[in-house]
Amino acid sequence: MEKLTIIGIDAGVISAVSDSGQLYTMELTDDVRAALKPRIAPATSSVSPRELQALLRSGLSVAEVAERTGESVAHVERYEGPVLAELGFVLERAQAVTVQGMADGMTFREALEHKLAEQGGEIVRWQSYRLDDEWVIAISVLVGDVADEATWTFDSRKLTLHPTNTAAVRLSKANASDSSLFPPLRVVAETEPIRFDSGQFEPLPAHLSAVSPVTAPSDTGTTVIHTSGTTAEAAELPFVDPELTAPADLLEELQRRRGERANAMSSHPSTGSIPIIALDDAGNPIDPTPTAPHAARESDDSFTDSTPSRSHKRTRPNMPSWDEIVFGTRPEDD
């Protein structure tokens, strides 16, 4: 058997030569082309079949699962059949559950169709899927032009259903008046707009209906406001110097008054309530000239006095010396 070596391809013809130098030709057909193509091994899938079935069981379509996982649609379709059979079986069991409180032992499906028919609605689609290890039964309903969806959780072992949203709660109620999917709107009574009516207020008395302009300050430091009427009396208000209305002037006045209080308190060596008696070298008390306690308060209320008033001297009995208290004798007696 001779070994051929391809030396060229021209016009659909393959040219080859043997080890002995003999030239051979062969037509390039489709079968030859397919045989010459390199065979690429299929890439291993990164998503397990169990994960693909879990995604299909959650209600996703084949195209959605393929887009989410990056797998081909043909690869996902291989695992769709068993999942569809399982979803259909669970849905049939849920629809066949007998509803308590309904007449003639209606099933879950019959009860929903009956209630929606009374409201002029219908069920557009039934669906079952599994989320968070729970089976969910969902229906898409249409009442007039309004669409909504009601969902229940389904226990396939105990054959019980529990509503999980507002639409399902209303449809699950036994009372027909409370089971309306879309309750009627309550008519609100119209209210008249509120307007301002000046007639609701009484006019002021004649002697209070007008106030004359403020007159200039008088020499006594008061401002007089005259009101109209014969019985109105003049009201005297304290006059405020317009030069002290500025914040800087007021601050300066407060600082000046604070300094006067400090001088008044420091002029007397006392604590403000109990006087301190000074003693001379011989132990005899020195009679000070105290300041009246109300002098400091009077300085606070005065704008013109700069020095506090002092009280007259008062004679006080001499206090005993330290020797008299301890030894019972005076220093002169020694």
C-alpha atoms as a PDB file:
ATOM      1  CA  MET A   1       0.000   0.000   0.000  1.00  0.00           C
ATOM      2  CA  GLU A   2       1.428   3.260  -1.078  1.00  0.00           C
ATOM      3  CA  LYS A   3       1.266   6.441   0.940  1.00  0.00           C
ATOM      4  CA  LEU A   4      -0.073   9.491  -0.857  1.00  0.00           C
ATOM      5  CA  THR A   5       0.846  13.061  -0.118  1.00  0.00           C
ATOM      6  CA  ILE A   6      -1.470  15.878  -1.167  1.00  0.00           C
ATOM      7  CA  ILE A   7       0.386  18.403  -3.232  1.00  0.00           C
ATOM      8  CA  GLY A   8      -2.482  20.737  -4.173  1.00  0.00           C
ATOM      9  CA  ILE A   9      -6.199  21.419  -4.674  1.00  0.00           C
ATOM     10  CA  ASP A  10      -7.300  22.978  -7.953  1.00  0.00           C
ATOM     11  CA  ALA A  11     -10.843  23.446  -9.346  1.00  0.00           C
ATOM     12  CA  GLY A  12     -12.377  20.929  -6.950  1.00  0.00           C
ATOM     13  CA  VAL A  13      -9.700  18.335  -7.652  1.00  0.00           C
ATOM     14  CA  ILE A  14      -7.176  17.077  -5.129  1.00  0.00           C
ATOM     15  CA  SER A  15      -3.691  16.245  -6.483  1.00  0.00           C
ATOM     16  CA  ALA A  16      -1.512  13.744  -4.592  1.00  0.00           C
ATOM     17  CA  VAL A  17       1.756  11.939  -5.234  1.00  0.00           C
ATOM     18  CA  SER A  18       3.023   8.561  -3.997  1.00  0.00           C
ATOM     19  CA  ASP A  19       6.395   7.652  -2.591  1.00  0.00           C
ATOM     20  CA  SER A  20       7.384   6.234  -5.965  1.00  0.00           C
ATOM     21  CA  GLY A  21       6.525   9.499  -7.688  1.00  0.00           C
ATOM     22  CA  GLN A  22       3.242   8.405  -9.212  1.00  0.00           C
ATOM     23  CA  LEU A  23       0.691  11.294  -9.509  1.00  0.00           C
ATOM     24  CA  TYR A  24      -2.916  10.755  -8.406  1.00  0.00           C
ATOM     25  CA  THR A  25      -6.033  12.989  -8.546  1.00  0.00           C
ATOM     26  CA  MET A  26      -9.347  12.817  -6.635  1.00  0.00           C
ATOM     27  CA  GLU A  27     -12.535  14.854  -6.968  1.00  0.00           C
ATOM     28  CA  LEU A  28     -13.396  17.031  -3.912  1.00  0.00           C
ATOM     29  CA  THR A  29     -16.981  16.107  -3.032  1.00  0.00           C
ATOM     30  CA  ASP A  30     -19.147  17.112  -0.020  1.00  0.00           C
ATOM     31  CA  ASP A  31     -18.403  13.837   1.703  1.00  0.00           C
ATOM     32  CA  VAL A  32     -14.732  14.463   1.333  1.00  0.00           C
ATOM     33  CA  ARG A  33     -15.121  17.994   2.632  1.00  0.00           C
ATOM     34  CA  ALA A  34     -17.049  16.756   5.736  1.00  0.00           C
ATOM     35  CA  ALA A  35     -14.412  14.125   6.375  1.00  0.00           C
ATOM     36  CA  LEU A  36     -11.658  16.692   6.149  1.00  0.00           C
ATOM     37  CA  LYS A  37     -13.331  19.110   8.652  1.00  0.00           C
ATOM     38  CA  PRO A  38     -11.769  19.021  12.106  1.00  0.00           C
ATOM     39  CA  ARG A  39     -14.080  17.613  14.720  1.00  0.00           C
ATOM     40  CA  ILE A  40     -14.480  19.975  17.716  1.00  0.00           C
ATOM     41  CA  ALA A  41     -15.363  18.284  20.967  1.00  0.00           C
ATOM     42  CA  PRO A  42     -18.461  19.808  22.631  1.00  0.00           C
ATOM     43  CA  ALA A  43     -17.639  22.057  25.548  1.00  0.00           C
ATOM     44  CA  THR A  44     -18.622  20.779  28.949  1.00  0.00           C
ATOM     45  CA  SER A  45     -21.590  22.643  30.495  1.00  0.00           C
ATOM     46  CA  SER A  46     -20.928  24.676  33.638  1.00  0.00           C
ATOM     47  CA  VAL A  47     -24.582  24.369  34.747  1.00  0.00           C
ATOM     48  CA  SER A  48     -25.774  21.028  36.040  1.00  0.00           C
ATOM     49  CA  PRO A  49     -29.052  19.488  34.826  1.00  0.00           C
ATOM     50  CA  ARG A  50     -30.454  19.854  38.341  1.00  0.00           C
ATOM     51  CA  GLU A  51     -29.840  23.603  38.280  1.00  0.00           C
ATOM     52  CA  LEU A  52     -31.431  23.909  34.848  1.00  0.00           C
ATOM     53  CA  GLN A  53     -34.540  22.068  36.033  1.00  0.00           C
ATOM     54  CA  ALA A  54     -34.747  24.254  39.148  1.00  0.00           C
ATOM     55  CA  LEU A  55     -34.772  27.358  36.955  1.00  0.00           C
ATOM     56  CA  LEU A  56     -37.462  25.880  34.712  1.00  0.00           C
ATOM     57  CA  ARG A  57     -39.480  24.872  37.778  1.00  0.00           C
ATOM     58  CA  SER A  58     -39.377  28.481  39.068  1.00  0.00           C
ATOM     59  CA  GLY A  59     -41.494  29.611  36.120  1.00  0.00           C
ATOM     60  CA  LEU A  60     -38.810  30.724  33.661  1.00  0.00           C
ATOM     61  CA  SER A  61     -39.131  29.814  29.997  1.00  0.00           C
ATOM     62  CA  VAL A  62     -36.530  27.886  28.025  1.00  0.00           C
ATOM     63  CA  ALA A  63     -35.280  31.052  26.337  1.00  0.00           C
ATOM     64  CA  GLU A  64     -34.961  32.860  29.699  1.00  0.00           C
ATOM     65  CA  VAL A  65     -33.008  29.970  31.222  1.00  0.00           C
ATOM     66  CA  ALA A  66     -30.705  29.800  28.201  1.00  0.00           C
ATOM     67  CA  GLU A  67     -30.038  33.538  28.374  1.00  0.00           C
ATOM     68  CA  ARG A  68     -29.361  33.450  32.110  1.00  0.00           C
ATOM     69  CA  THR A  69     -27.037  30.422  32.053  1.00  0.00           C
ATOM     70  CA  GLY A  70     -25.389  30.938  28.675  1.00  0.00           C
ATOM     71  CA  GLU A  71     -26.467  27.496  27.477  1.00  0.00           C
ATOM     72  CA  SER A  72     -27.984  26.850  24.098  1.00  0.00           C
ATOM     73  CA  VAL A  73     -31.740  26.596  23.743  1.00  0.00           C
ATOM     74  CA  ALA A  74     -31.426  23.043  22.425  1.00  0.00           C
ATOM     75  CA  HIS A  75     -29.440  22.022  25.498  1.00  0.00           C
ATOM     76  CA  VAL A  76     -32.045  23.472  27.898  1.00  0.00           C
ATOM     77  CA  GLU A  77     -34.952  21.878  26.019  1.00  0.00           C
ATOM     78  CA  ARG A  78     -33.545  18.446  26.858  1.00  0.00           C
ATOM     79  CA  TYR A  79     -34.579  18.974  30.513  1.00  0.00           C
ATOM     80  CA  GLU A  80     -37.879  20.789  29.948  1.00  0.00           C
ATOM     81  CA  GLY A  81     -40.153  17.768  29.514  1.00  0.00           C
ATOM     82  CA  PRO A  82     -39.974  16.312  33.051  1.00  0.00           C
ATOM     83  CA  VAL A  83     -40.406  19.759  34.598  1.00  0.00           C
ATOM     84  CA  LEU A  84     -43.537  20.548  32.563  1.00  0.00           C
ATOM     85  CA  ALA A  85     -45.073  17.248  33.603  1.00  0.00           C
ATOM     86  CA  GLU A  86     -44.371  17.999  37.272  1.00  0.00           C
ATOM     87  CA  LEU A  87     -45.839  21.521  37.058  1.00  0.00           C
ATOM     88  CA  GLY A  88     -48.985  20.220  35.363  1.00  0.00           C
ATOM     89  CA  PHE A  89     -49.463  17.531  38.005  1.00  0.00           C
ATOM     90  CA  VAL A  90     -49.173  20.024  40.887  1.00  0.00           C
ATOM     91  CA  LEU A  91     -51.591  22.437  39.195  1.00  0.00           C
ATOM     92  CA  GLU A  92     -54.221  19.738  38.714  1.00  0.00           C
ATOM     93  CA  ARG A  93     -54.017  18.725  42.381  1.00  0.00           C
ATOM     94  CA  ALA A  94     -54.441  22.327  43.495  1.00  0.00           C
ATOM     95  CA  GLN A  95     -57.433  22.903  41.219  1.00  0.00           C
ATOM     96  CA  ALA A  96     -59.136  19.767  42.583  1.00  0.00           C
ATOM     97  CA  VAL A  97     -58.905  20.818  46.264  1.00  0.00           C
ATOM     98  CA  THR A  98     -62.380  21.026  47.822  1.00  0.00           C
ATOM     99  CA  VAL A  99     -63.172  24.483  49.183  1.00  0.00           C
ATOM    100  CA  GLN A 100     -64.852  24.587  52.593  1.00  0.00           C
ATOM    101  CA  GLY A 101     -67.874  26.841  52.960  1.00  0.00           C
ATOM    102  CA  MET A 102     -68.918  26.565  49.313  1.00  0.00           C
ATOM    103  CA  ALA A 103     -72.130  24.838  48.244  1.00  0.00           C
ATOM    104  CA  ASP A 104     -72.122  21.394  46.580  1.00  0.00           C
ATOM    105  CA  GLY A 105     -68.470  20.825  47.506  1.00  0.00           C
ATOM    106  CA  MET A 106     -66.997  23.115  44.869  1.00  0.00           C
ATOM    107  CA  THR A 107     -63.378  22.668  43.972  1.00  0.00           C
ATOM    108  CA  PHE A 108     -60.837  25.452  44.075  1.00  0.00           C
ATOM    109  CA  ARG A 109     -61.068  26.008  40.343  1.00  0.00           C
ATOM    110  CA  GLU A 110     -64.884  25.963  40.261  1.00  0.00           C
ATOM    111  CA  ALA A 111     -65.145  28.386  43.185  1.00  0.00           C
ATOM    112  CA  LEU A 112     -62.844  30.932  41.554  1.00  0.00           C
ATOM    113  CA  GLU A 113     -64.583  30.700  38.188  1.00  0.00           C
ATOM    114  CA  HIS A 114     -67.986  31.112  39.885  1.00  0.00           C
ATOM    115  CA  LYS A 115     -66.964  34.213  41.862  1.00  0.00           C
ATOM    116  CA  LEU A 116     -65.318  35.883  38.893  1.00  0.00           C
ATOM    117  CA  ALA A 117     -68.338  35.159  36.690  1.00  0.00           C
ATOM    118  CA  GLU A 118     -70.569  36.995  39.197  1.00  0.00           C
ATOM    119  CA  GLN A 119     -68.281  40.018  38.895  1.00  0.00           C
ATOM    120  CA  GLY A 120     -68.181  39.861  35.094  1.00  0.00           C
ATOM    121  CA  GLY A 121     -64.609  38.600  34.978  1.00  0.00           C
ATOM    122  CA  GLU A 122     -62.742  35.522  33.834  1.00  0.00           C
ATOM    123  CA  ILE A 123     -59.520  33.618  34.419  1.00  0.00           C
ATOM    124  CA  VAL A 124     -57.087  34.202  31.577  1.00  0.00           C
ATOM    125  CA  ARG A 125     -54.281  31.839  32.637  1.00  0.00           C
ATOM    126  CA  TRP A 126     -53.438  29.242  35.293  1.00  0.00           C
ATOM    127  CA  GLN A 127     -49.819  28.738  36.332  1.00  0.00           C
ATOM    128  CA  SER A 128     -47.851  26.756  38.897  1.00  0.00           C
ATOM    129  CA  TYR A 129     -44.210  27.224  39.878  1.00  0.00           C
ATOM    130  CA  ARG A 130     -41.914  26.663  42.844  1.00  0.00           C
ATOM    131  CA  LEU A 131     -40.204  29.455  44.803  1.00  0.00           C
ATOM    132  CA  ASP A 132     -38.294  29.206  48.094  1.00  0.00           C
ATOM    133  CA  ASP A 133     -39.225  25.526  48.498  1.00  0.00           C
ATOM    134  CA  GLU A 134     -42.954  26.331  48.204  1.00  0.00           C
ATOM    135  CA  TRP A 135     -45.400  25.626  45.418  1.00  0.00           C
ATOM    136  CA  VAL A 136     -47.251  28.686  44.135  1.00  0.00           C
ATOM    137  CA  ILE A 137     -50.547  28.669  42.231  1.00  0.00           C
ATOM    138  CA  ALA A 138     -51.187  31.845  40.231  1.00  0.00           C
ATOM    139  CA  ILE A 139     -54.091  32.990  38.078  1.00  0.00           C
ATOM    140  CA  SER A 140     -54.278  35.962  35.734  1.00  0.00           C
ATOM    141  CA  VAL A 141     -57.773  37.488  35.807  1.00  0.00           C
ATOM    142  CA  LEU A 142     -59.514  40.106  33.728  1.00  0.00           C
ATOM    143  CA  VAL A 143     -62.518  42.059  35.043  1.00  0.00           C
ATOM    144  CA  GLY A 144     -63.706  44.492  32.413  1.00  0.00           C
ATOM    145  CA  ASP A 145     -60.629  46.377  31.295  1.00  0.00           C
ATOM    146  CA  VAL A 146     -58.718  45.772  34.533  1.00  0.00           C
ATOM    147  CA  ALA A 147     -56.186  42.925  34.783  1.00  0.00           C
ATOM    148  CA  ASP A 148     -54.782  41.534  38.006  1.00  0.00           C
ATOM    149  CA  GLU A 149     -53.007  38.471  39.376  1.00  0.00           C
ATOM    150  CA  ALA A 150     -53.836  36.407  42.460  1.00  0.00           C
ATOM    151  CA  THR A 151     -51.406  33.955  44.053  1.00  0.00           C
ATOM    152  CA  TRP A 152     -51.691  31.198  46.677  1.00  0.00           C
ATOM    153  CA  THR A 153     -49.119  28.917  48.283  1.00  0.00           C
ATOM    154  CA  PHE A 154     -49.995  25.226  47.934  1.00  0.00           C
ATOM    155  CA  ASP A 155     -49.075  22.374  50.267  1.00  0.00           C
ATOM    156  CA  SER A 156     -49.265  19.287  48.063  1.00  0.00           C
ATOM    157  CA  ARG A 157     -49.222  16.933  51.068  1.00  0.00           C
ATOM    158  CA  LYS A 158     -51.919  18.585  53.194  1.00  0.00           C
ATOM    159  CA  LEU A 159     -53.829  19.867  50.139  1.00  0.00           C
ATOM    160  CA  THR A 160     -54.177  23.375  51.575  1.00  0.00           C
ATOM    161  CA  LEU A 161     -53.951  26.762  49.867  1.00  0.00           C
ATOM    162  CA  HIS A 162     -53.128  30.110  51.511  1.00  0.00           C
ATOM    163  CA  PRO A 163     -53.563  33.506  49.764  1.00  0.00           C
ATOM    164  CA  THR A 164     -50.415  35.605  49.477  1.00  0.00           C
ATOM    165  CA  ASN A 165     -51.645  38.899  48.006  1.00  0.00           C
ATOM    166  CA  THR A 166     -54.670  41.200  48.244  1.00  0.00           C
ATOM    167  CA  ALA A 167     -56.458  39.839  45.172  1.00  0.00           C
ATOM    168  CA  ALA A 168     -56.178  36.265  46.449  1.00  0.00           C
ATOM    169  CA  VAL A 169     -57.448  37.282  49.900  1.00  0.00           C
ATOM    170  CA  ARG A 170     -60.600  38.849  48.419  1.00  0.00           C
ATOM    171  CA  LEU A 171     -61.303  35.855  46.193  1.00  0.00           C
ATOM    172  CA  SER A 172     -60.784  33.450  49.097  1.00  0.00           C
ATOM    173  CA  LYS A 173     -63.495  35.035  51.285  1.00  0.00           C
ATOM    174  CA  ALA A 174     -66.708  33.058  51.633  1.00  0.00           C
ATOM    175  CA  ASN A 175     -68.902  36.169  51.903  1.00  0.00           C
ATOM    176  CA  ALA A 176     -69.887  37.309  48.439  1.00  0.00           C
ATOM    177  CA  SER A 177     -69.997  40.976  49.462  1.00  0.00           C
ATOM    178  CA  ASP A 178     -66.400  40.825  50.685  1.00  0.00           C
ATOM    179  CA  SER A 179     -65.016  38.640  47.886  1.00  0.00           C
ATOM    180  CA  SER A 180     -65.211  41.256  45.165  1.00  0.00           C
ATOM    181  CA  LEU A 181     -61.847  41.503  43.451  1.00  0.00           C
ATOM    182  CA  PHE A 182     -62.302  45.218  42.821  1.00  0.00           C
ATOM    183  CA  PRO A 183     -64.639  46.723  45.494  1.00  0.00           C
ATOM    184  CA  PRO A 184     -66.874  49.596  44.346  1.00  0.00           C
ATOM    185  CA  LEU A 185     -65.677  53.098  44.974  1.00  0.00           C
ATOM    186  CA  ARG A 186     -67.375  55.116  47.722  1.00  0.00           C
ATOM    187  CA  VAL A 187     -69.090  58.297  46.561  1.00  0.00           C
ATOM    188  CA  VAL A 188     -67.736  61.313  48.377  1.00  0.00           C
ATOM    189  CA  ALA A 189     -70.155  64.179  49.009  1.00  0.00           C
ATOM    190  CA  GLU A 190     -69.218  67.429  47.370  1.00  0.00           C
ATOM    191  CA  THR A 191     -68.222  70.219  49.718  1.00  0.00           C
ATOM    192  CA  GLU A 192     -68.602  73.896  48.993  1.00  0.00           C
ATOM    193  CA  PRO A 193     -65.343  75.833  48.690  1.00  0.00           C
ATOM    194  CA  ILE A 194     -64.472  77.923  51.715  1.00  0.00           C
ATOM    195  CA  ARG A 195     -64.476  81.670  51.075  1.00  0.00           C
ATOM    196  CA  PHE A 196     -63.734  84.683  53.254  1.00  0.00           C
ATOM    197  CA  ASP A 197     -66.875  86.518  54.386  1.00  0.00           C
ATOM    198  CA  SER A 198     -66.245  89.940  55.864  1.00  0.00           C
ATOM    199  CA  GLY A 199     -69.811  90.058  57.135  1.00  0.00           C
ATOM    200  CA  GLN A 200     -68.952  87.491  59.801  1.00  0.00           C
ATOM    201  CA  PHE A 201     -67.001  90.161  61.713  1.00  0.00           C
ATOM    202  CA  GLU A 202     -68.597  93.057  63.630  1.00  0.00           C
ATOM    203  CA  PRO A 203     -67.235  96.605  63.174  1.00  0.00           C
ATOM    204  CA  LEU A 204     -65.091  98.118  65.915  1.00  0.00           C
ATOM    205  CA  PRO A 205     -66.622 100.662  68.319  1.00  0.00           C
ATOM    206  CA  ALA A 206     -66.445 104.277  67.277  1.00  0.00           C
ATOM    207  CA  HIS A 207     -63.869 105.227  69.919  1.00  0.00           C
ATOM    208  CA  LEU A 208     -61.545 102.393  68.733  1.00  0.00           C
ATOM    209  CA  SER A 209     -62.052 102.670  65.008  1.00  0.00           C
ATOM    210  CA  ALA A 210     -59.258 105.169  64.410  1.00  0.00           C
ATOM    211  CA  VAL A 211     -55.964 106.118  66.029  1.00  0.00           C
ATOM    212  CA  SER A 212     -54.308 109.479  65.543  1.00  0.00           C
ATOM    213  CA  PRO A 213     -50.639 109.664  64.570  1.00  0.00           C
ATOM    214  CA  VAL A 214     -48.008 109.491  67.289  1.00  0.00           C
ATOM    215  CA  THR A 215     -46.975 112.897  68.552  1.00  0.00           C
ATOM    216  CA  ALA A 216     -43.464 114.016  69.260  1.00  0.00           C
ATOM    217  CA  PRO A 217     -41.962 113.087  72.638  1.00  0.00           C
ATOM    218  CA  SER A 218     -42.736 115.526  75.428  1.00  0.00           C
ATOM    219  CA  ASP A 219     -40.333 117.031  77.904  1.00  0.00           C
ATOM    220  CA  THR A 220     -41.329 114.537  80.584  1.00  0.00           C
ATOM    221  CA  GLY A 221     -39.912 111.608  78.626  1.00  0.00           C
ATOM    222  CA  THR A 222     -43.266 110.077  77.647  1.00  0.00           C
ATOM    223  CA  THR A 223     -45.051 109.630  74.355  1.00  0.00           C
ATOM    224  CA  VAL A 224     -48.776 110.389  74.270  1.00  0.00           C
ATOM    225  CA  ILE A 225     -51.127 108.570  71.873  1.00  0.00           C
ATOM    226  CA  HIS A 226     -54.516 110.210  71.355  1.00  0.00           C
ATOM    227  CA  THR A 227     -57.480 108.047  70.362  1.00  0.00           C
ATOM    228  CA  SER A 228     -60.624 109.306  68.722  1.00  0.00           C
ATOM    229  CA  GLY A 229     -63.745 109.748  70.811  1.00  0.00           C
ATOM    230  CA  THR A 230     -64.702 111.832  73.804  1.00  0.00           C
ATOM    231  CA  THR A 231     -64.307 109.106  76.434  1.00  0.00           C
ATOM    232  CA  ALA A 232     -60.868 107.866  75.373  1.00  0.00           C
ATOM    233  CA  GLU A 233     -58.084 108.816  77.708  1.00  0.00           C
ATOM    234  CA  ALA A 234     -54.473 109.481  76.815  1.00  0.00           C
ATOM    235  CA  ALA A 235     -52.190 106.519  77.360  1.00  0.00           C
ATOM    236  CA  GLU A 236     -48.698 107.303  78.476  1.00  0.00           C
ATOM    237  CA  LEU A 237     -45.902 105.038  77.328  1.00  0.00           C
ATOM    238  CA  PRO A 238     -42.262 105.227  78.385  1.00  0.00           C
ATOM    239  CA  PHE A 239     -40.159 107.123  75.925  1.00  0.00           C
ATOM    240  CA  VAL A 240     -37.221 105.254  74.446  1.00  0.00           C
ATOM    241  CA  ASP A 241     -34.278 107.244  73.228  1.00  0.00           C
ATOM    242  CA  PRO A 242     -33.956 106.566  69.489  1.00  0.00           C
ATOM    243  CA  GLU A 243     -30.179 106.852  69.804  1.00  0.00           C
ATOM    244  CA  LEU A 244     -30.145 103.652  71.903  1.00  0.00           C
ATOM    245  CA  THR A 245     -32.124 101.533  69.464  1.00  0.00           C
ATOM    246  CA  ALA A 246     -29.073 100.374  67.569  1.00  0.00           C
ATOM    247  CA  PRO A 247     -27.660  97.001  68.775  1.00  0.00           C
ATOM    248  CA  ALA A 248     -24.192  98.486  69.327  1.00  0.00           C
ATOM    249  CA  ASP A 249     -25.582 101.269  71.540  1.00  0.00           C
ATOM    250  CA  LEU A 250     -27.633  98.818  73.579  1.00  0.00           C
ATOM    251  CA  LEU A 251     -24.612  96.583  74.088  1.00  0.00           C
ATOM    252  CA  GLU A 252     -22.518  99.553  75.223  1.00  0.00           C
ATOM    253  CA  GLU A 253     -25.224 100.613  77.691  1.00  0.00           C
ATOM    254  CA  LEU A 254     -25.439  97.091  79.153  1.00  0.00           C
ATOM    255  CA  GLN A 255     -21.664  96.931  79.565  1.00  0.00           C
ATOM    256  CA  ARG A 256     -21.692 100.328  81.334  1.00  0.00           C
ATOM    257  CA  ARG A 257     -24.401  99.221  83.742  1.00  0.00           C
ATOM    258  CA  ARG A 258     -22.574  95.968  84.424  1.00  0.00           C
ATOM    259  CA  GLY A 259     -19.461  97.956  85.315  1.00  0.00           C
ATOM    260  CA  GLU A 260     -21.468 100.092  87.748  1.00  0.00           C
ATOM    261  CA  ARG A 261     -22.729  96.962  89.505  1.00  0.00           C
ATOM    262  CA  ALA A 262     -19.216  95.575  89.748  1.00  0.00           C
ATOM    263  CA  ASN A 263     -17.932  98.848  91.280  1.00  0.00           C
ATOM    264  CA  ALA A 264     -20.803  98.910  93.739  1.00  0.00           C
ATOM    265  CA  MET A 265     -20.136  95.356  94.896  1.00  0.00           C
ATOM    266  CA  SER A 266     -16.356  95.793  95.137  1.00  0.00           C
ATOM    267  CA  SER A 267     -16.693  99.015  97.192  1.00  0.00           C
ATOM    268  CA  HIS A 268     -17.759  96.976 100.224  1.00  0.00           C
ATOM    269  CA  PRO A 269     -15.650  94.034 101.517  1.00  0.00           C
ATOM    270  CA  SER A 270     -18.557  91.680 102.077  1.00  0.00           C
ATOM    271  CA  THR A 271     -20.078  88.581 100.554  1.00  0.00           C
ATOM    272  CA  GLY A 272     -23.379  90.315  99.940  1.00  0.00           C
ATOM    273  CA  SER A 273     -25.196  88.768 102.916  1.00  0.00           C
ATOM    274  CA  ILE A 274     -22.825  88.317 105.917  1.00  0.00           C
ATOM    275  CA  PRO A 275     -20.426  91.247 106.612  1.00  0.00           C
ATOM    276  CA  ILE A 276     -16.770  90.497 107.335  1.00  0.00           C
ATOM    277  CA  ILE A 277     -15.403  92.351 110.390  1.00  0.00           C
ATOM    278  CA  ALA A 278     -11.756  93.369 110.205  1.00  0.00           C
ATOM    279  CA  LEU A 279      -9.574  93.402 113.374  1.00  0.00           C
ATOM    280  CA  ASP A 280      -6.614  95.620 114.186  1.00  0.00           C
ATOM    281  CA  ASP A 281      -3.260  94.460 115.607  1.00  0.00           C
ATOM    282  CA  ALA A 282      -4.622  94.528 119.163  1.00  0.00           C
ATOM    283  CA  GLY A 283      -7.562  92.334 118.217  1.00  0.00           C
ATOM    284  CA  ASN A 284     -10.141  95.127 118.358  1.00  0.00           C
ATOM    285  CA  PRO A 285     -12.720  95.247 115.557  1.00  0.00           C
ATOM    286  CA  ILE A 286     -12.469  98.007 113.020  1.00  0.00           C
ATOM    287  CA  ASP A 287     -15.788  99.664 112.392  1.00  0.00           C
ATOM    288  CA  PRO A 288     -16.163  99.923 108.589  1.00  0.00           C
ATOM    289  CA  THR A 289     -18.617 102.054 106.744  1.00  0.00           C
ATOM    290  CA  PRO A 290     -20.815  99.510 104.994  1.00  0.00           C
ATOM    291  CA  THR A 291     -22.823 100.141 101.931  1.00  0.00           C
ATOM    292  CA  ALA A 292     -26.547  99.679 102.079  1.00  0.00           C
ATOM    293  CA  PRO A 293     -27.599  96.357 100.516  1.00  0.00           C
ATOM    294  CA  HIS A 294     -30.125  98.056  98.293  1.00  0.00           C
ATOM    295  CA  ALA A 295     -27.527 100.381  96.813  1.00  0.00           C
ATOM    296  CA  ALA A 296     -26.501  97.846  94.174  1.00  0.00           C
ATOM    297  CA  ARG A 297     -30.087  97.227  93.176  1.00  0.00           C
ATOM    298  CA  GLU A 298     -30.777 100.928  92.862  1.00  0.00           C
ATOM    299  CA  SER A 299     -27.812 101.277  90.534  1.00  0.00           C
ATOM    300  CA  ASP A 300     -29.329  98.631  88.217  1.00  0.00           C
ATOM    301  CA  ASP A 301     -32.555 100.597  87.773  1.00  0.00           C
ATOM    302  CA  SER A 302     -30.898 103.977  87.214  1.00  0.00           C
ATOM    303  CA  PHE A 303     -29.550 105.213  83.896  1.00  0.00           C
ATOM    304  CA  THR A 304     -27.909 108.394  85.211  1.00  0.00           C
ATOM    305  CA  ASP A 305     -26.295 107.638  88.616  1.00  0.00           C
ATOM    306  CA  SER A 306     -22.692 106.512  88.147  1.00  0.00           C
ATOM    307  CA  THR A 307     -21.784 105.949  91.844  1.00  0.00           C
ATOM    308  CA  PRO A 308     -23.766 103.924  94.373  1.00  0.00           C
ATOM    309  CA  SER A 309     -25.199 105.647  97.413  1.00  0.00           C
ATOM    310  CA  ARG A 310     -23.651 104.949 100.816  1.00  0.00           C
ATOM    311  CA  SER A 311     -25.436 104.742 104.135  1.00  0.00           C
ATOM    312  CA  HIS A 312     -24.510 106.700 107.257  1.00  0.00           C
ATOM    313  CA  LYS A 313     -22.137 105.332 109.881  1.00  0.00           C
ATOM    314  CA  ARG A 314     -23.667 103.236 112.537  1.00  0.00           C
ATOM    315  CA  THR A 315     -22.120 102.503 115.916  1.00  0.00           C
ATOM    316  CA  ARG A 316     -21.714  98.868 116.768  1.00  0.00           C
ATOM    317  CA  PRO A 317     -20.601  97.241 120.007  1.00  0.00           C
ATOM    318  CA  ASN A 318     -16.991  96.114 120.054  1.00  0.00           C
ATOM    319  CA  MET A 319     -16.531  92.432 119.585  1.00  0.00           C
ATOM    320  CA  PRO A 320     -14.435  90.570 122.196  1.00  0.00           C
ATOM    321  CA  SER A 321     -10.870  89.853 121.232  1.00  0.00           C
ATOM    322  CA  TRP A 322      -9.346  86.452 120.804  1.00  0.00           C
ATOM    323  CA  ASP A 323      -7.744  86.568 124.301  1.00  0.00           C
ATOM    324  CA  GLU A 324     -11.084  87.393 125.895  1.00  0.00           C
ATOM    325  CA  ILE A 325     -12.726  84.449 124.143  1.00  0.00           C
ATOM    326  CA  VAL A 326      -9.941  81.937 124.963  1.00  0.00           C
ATOM    327  CA  PHE A 327      -8.529  83.136 128.314  1.00  0.00           C
ATOM    328  CA  GLY A 328     -11.441  85.235 129.572  1.00  0.00           C
ATOM    329  CA  THR A 329      -9.238  88.317 130.117  1.00  0.00           C
ATOM    330  CA  ARG A 330      -8.183  91.358 128.126  1.00  0.00           C
ATOM    331  CA  PRO A 331      -4.571  92.032 127.222  1.00  0.00           C
ATOM    332  CA  GLU A 332      -4.580  95.113 129.513  1.00  0.00           C
ATOM    333  CA  ASP A 333      -5.545  92.923 132.525  1.00  0.00           C
ATOM    334  CA  ASP A 334      -2.269  91.007 132.201  1.00  0.00           C
END
